[in-house]
Protein backbone atom coordinates (compact mmCIF):
# COMPACT_ATOMS: atom_id res chain seq x y z
CA UNK A 1 -1.09 -34.41 27.50
CA UNK A 2 -4.84 -33.34 27.11
CA UNK A 3 -3.84 -30.12 28.99
CA UNK A 4 -1.15 -29.29 26.42
CA UNK A 5 -3.26 -29.85 23.59
CA UNK A 6 -6.11 -27.51 25.30
CA UNK A 7 -3.16 -24.75 25.72
CA UNK A 8 -2.20 -24.99 22.06
CA UNK A 9 -5.73 -24.86 21.11
CA UNK A 10 -6.61 -21.71 22.95
CA UNK A 11 -3.28 -20.08 21.75
CA UNK A 12 -4.42 -21.09 17.97
CA UNK A 13 -7.96 -19.60 18.39
CA UNK A 14 -6.58 -16.56 20.08
CA UNK A 15 -4.12 -15.79 16.85
CA UNK A 16 -6.93 -16.79 14.40
CA UNK A 17 -8.80 -13.85 15.83
CA UNK A 18 -5.99 -11.40 15.98
CA UNK A 19 -7.12 -10.00 12.41
CA UNK A 20 -10.08 -8.20 13.91
CA UNK A 21 -11.67 -8.22 10.77
CA UNK A 22 -9.50 -7.14 8.47
CA UNK A 23 -9.41 -8.30 4.97
CA UNK A 24 -6.19 -9.25 3.18
CA UNK A 25 -5.32 -6.78 0.10
CA UNK A 26 -2.28 -6.93 -2.38
CA UNK A 27 -2.09 -5.53 -6.27
CA UNK A 28 0.14 -3.92 -8.67
CA UNK A 29 0.74 -0.28 -9.76
CA UNK A 30 1.81 0.21 -13.16
CA UNK A 31 2.31 3.33 -15.36
CA UNK A 32 -0.41 3.51 -18.30
CA UNK A 33 2.11 1.78 -20.65
CA UNK A 34 2.10 -1.22 -18.56
CA UNK A 35 5.55 -0.47 -16.89
CA UNK A 36 5.57 -1.36 -13.24
CA UNK A 37 5.95 1.42 -10.68
CA UNK A 38 8.63 -0.29 -8.46
CA UNK A 39 9.34 2.50 -6.01
CA UNK A 40 7.47 3.93 -3.21
CA UNK A 41 4.68 3.21 -0.83
CA UNK A 42 1.00 2.99 -1.50
CA UNK A 43 -1.10 4.23 1.01
CA UNK A 44 -4.86 3.47 1.96
CA UNK A 45 -6.47 6.19 3.73
CA UNK A 46 -9.52 7.06 5.86
CA UNK A 47 -10.39 9.74 8.22
CA UNK A 48 -9.86 7.16 11.19
CA UNK A 49 -7.76 4.76 9.66
CA UNK A 50 -4.53 4.27 7.25
CA UNK A 51 -2.43 1.17 6.05
CA UNK A 52 0.27 0.92 3.62
CA UNK A 53 2.20 -1.47 1.03
CA UNK A 54 5.70 -1.02 -0.13
CA UNK A 55 6.10 -1.28 -4.12
CA UNK A 56 8.35 -3.85 -4.99
CA UNK A 57 10.48 -3.42 -8.33
CA UNK A 58 7.75 -5.39 -10.49
CA UNK A 59 5.18 -2.88 -8.99
CA UNK A 60 3.21 -5.39 -6.55
CA UNK A 61 2.33 -4.73 -2.97
CA UNK A 62 0.67 -6.36 0.23
CA UNK A 63 -1.14 -4.06 2.36
CA UNK A 64 -0.58 -3.79 6.06
CA UNK A 65 -1.11 -1.35 9.00
CA UNK A 66 0.46 -2.73 12.13
CA UNK A 67 2.45 -5.81 10.53
CA UNK A 68 3.25 -5.77 6.58
CA UNK A 69 0.63 -8.26 5.66
CA UNK A 70 -2.38 -7.44 7.98
CA UNK A 71 -4.90 -6.11 5.94
CA UNK A 72 -7.69 -3.58 6.24
CA UNK A 73 -10.86 -3.01 8.07
CA UNK A 74 -13.86 -3.16 5.86
CA UNK A 75 -14.68 0.15 4.11
CA UNK A 76 -14.06 2.88 1.46
CA UNK A 77 -10.39 4.26 0.79
CA UNK A 78 -8.91 6.97 -0.68
CA UNK A 79 -5.72 5.67 -2.28
CA UNK A 80 -2.26 7.85 -2.67
CA UNK A 81 1.45 6.95 -3.21
CA UNK A 82 4.37 8.47 -1.47
CA UNK A 83 8.19 8.35 -2.15
CA UNK A 84 8.03 7.52 -5.88
CA UNK A 85 11.14 9.56 -6.49
CA UNK A 86 14.56 9.31 -8.21
CA UNK A 87 17.79 11.16 -7.96
CA UNK A 88 18.05 13.79 -10.70
CA UNK A 89 21.34 15.26 -9.44
CA UNK A 90 22.97 16.85 -6.44
CA UNK A 91 23.02 20.21 -4.66
CA UNK A 92 25.93 22.41 -4.07
CA UNK A 93 26.02 20.60 -0.54
CA UNK A 94 25.74 16.94 -1.94
CA UNK A 95 22.44 16.26 -1.53
CA UNK A 96 20.54 14.39 -3.89
CA UNK A 97 17.82 16.60 -5.78
CA UNK A 98 14.82 14.29 -6.06
CA UNK A 99 12.25 14.23 -8.85
CA UNK A 100 8.71 12.55 -8.83
CA UNK A 101 8.19 9.52 -11.00
CA UNK A 102 4.51 10.24 -11.11
CA UNK A 103 1.89 12.98 -11.37
CA UNK A 104 1.60 15.14 -8.45
CA UNK A 105 -2.12 14.34 -8.09
CA UNK A 106 -1.33 10.70 -6.72
CA UNK A 107 0.71 12.40 -3.59
CA UNK A 108 -2.11 13.08 -1.55
CA UNK A 109 -5.41 11.20 -0.63
CA UNK A 110 -7.91 14.04 -1.41
CA UNK A 111 -6.29 14.65 -5.31
CA UNK A 112 -5.46 11.21 -6.24
CA UNK A 113 -8.79 10.38 -7.50
CA UNK A 114 -8.20 6.72 -6.74
CA UNK A 115 -10.73 4.93 -4.35
CA UNK A 116 -11.30 1.50 -3.29
CA UNK A 117 -14.19 -0.16 -1.37
CA UNK A 118 -12.50 -3.17 0.83
CA UNK A 119 -13.21 -5.90 0.64
CA UNK A 120 -12.64 -6.26 -3.25
CA UNK A 121 -13.07 -9.37 -5.16
CA UNK A 122 -10.07 -11.76 -4.97
CA UNK A 123 -8.21 -9.42 -2.64
CA UNK A 124 -6.43 -7.80 -5.59
CA UNK A 125 -6.50 -3.94 -6.48
CA UNK A 126 -4.42 -3.07 -9.38
CA UNK A 127 -4.54 0.49 -10.82
CA UNK A 128 -2.34 2.57 -13.34
CA UNK A 129 -0.90 5.93 -12.77
CA UNK A 130 0.45 8.63 -15.04
CA UNK A 131 4.03 9.77 -15.11
CA UNK A 132 5.20 12.87 -13.90
CA UNK A 133 5.18 15.78 -16.36
CA UNK A 134 6.59 19.19 -16.07
CA UNK A 135 4.36 22.01 -15.99
């Protein structure tokens, strides 16, 4: 009976250490008027590491790299958003014509202007984005 206990203890300790020092992070993305951005993926990027979270219809996300919720290593990240688009019509071949829902600056870690230092207090990182404006 003790053998089973020690095996179970060893397995639980092994899994407890699997996050490799990663910190959980979640949050909400909204437009400047408070409306949630409910489509796309939010990316947290460094030169050596990248993780993402899928935006839910209410604008919330949870960050993961290997699994959906395994968090991020500590450090400073540039944040950007990918896939925040909606169809606005069809091409002659029937393909969707997609338009961006957010300002183009948020599409790249170099231009978004959004950075975060992990860990953040409370494990929450909420921020606002500007809608797409035709130029």
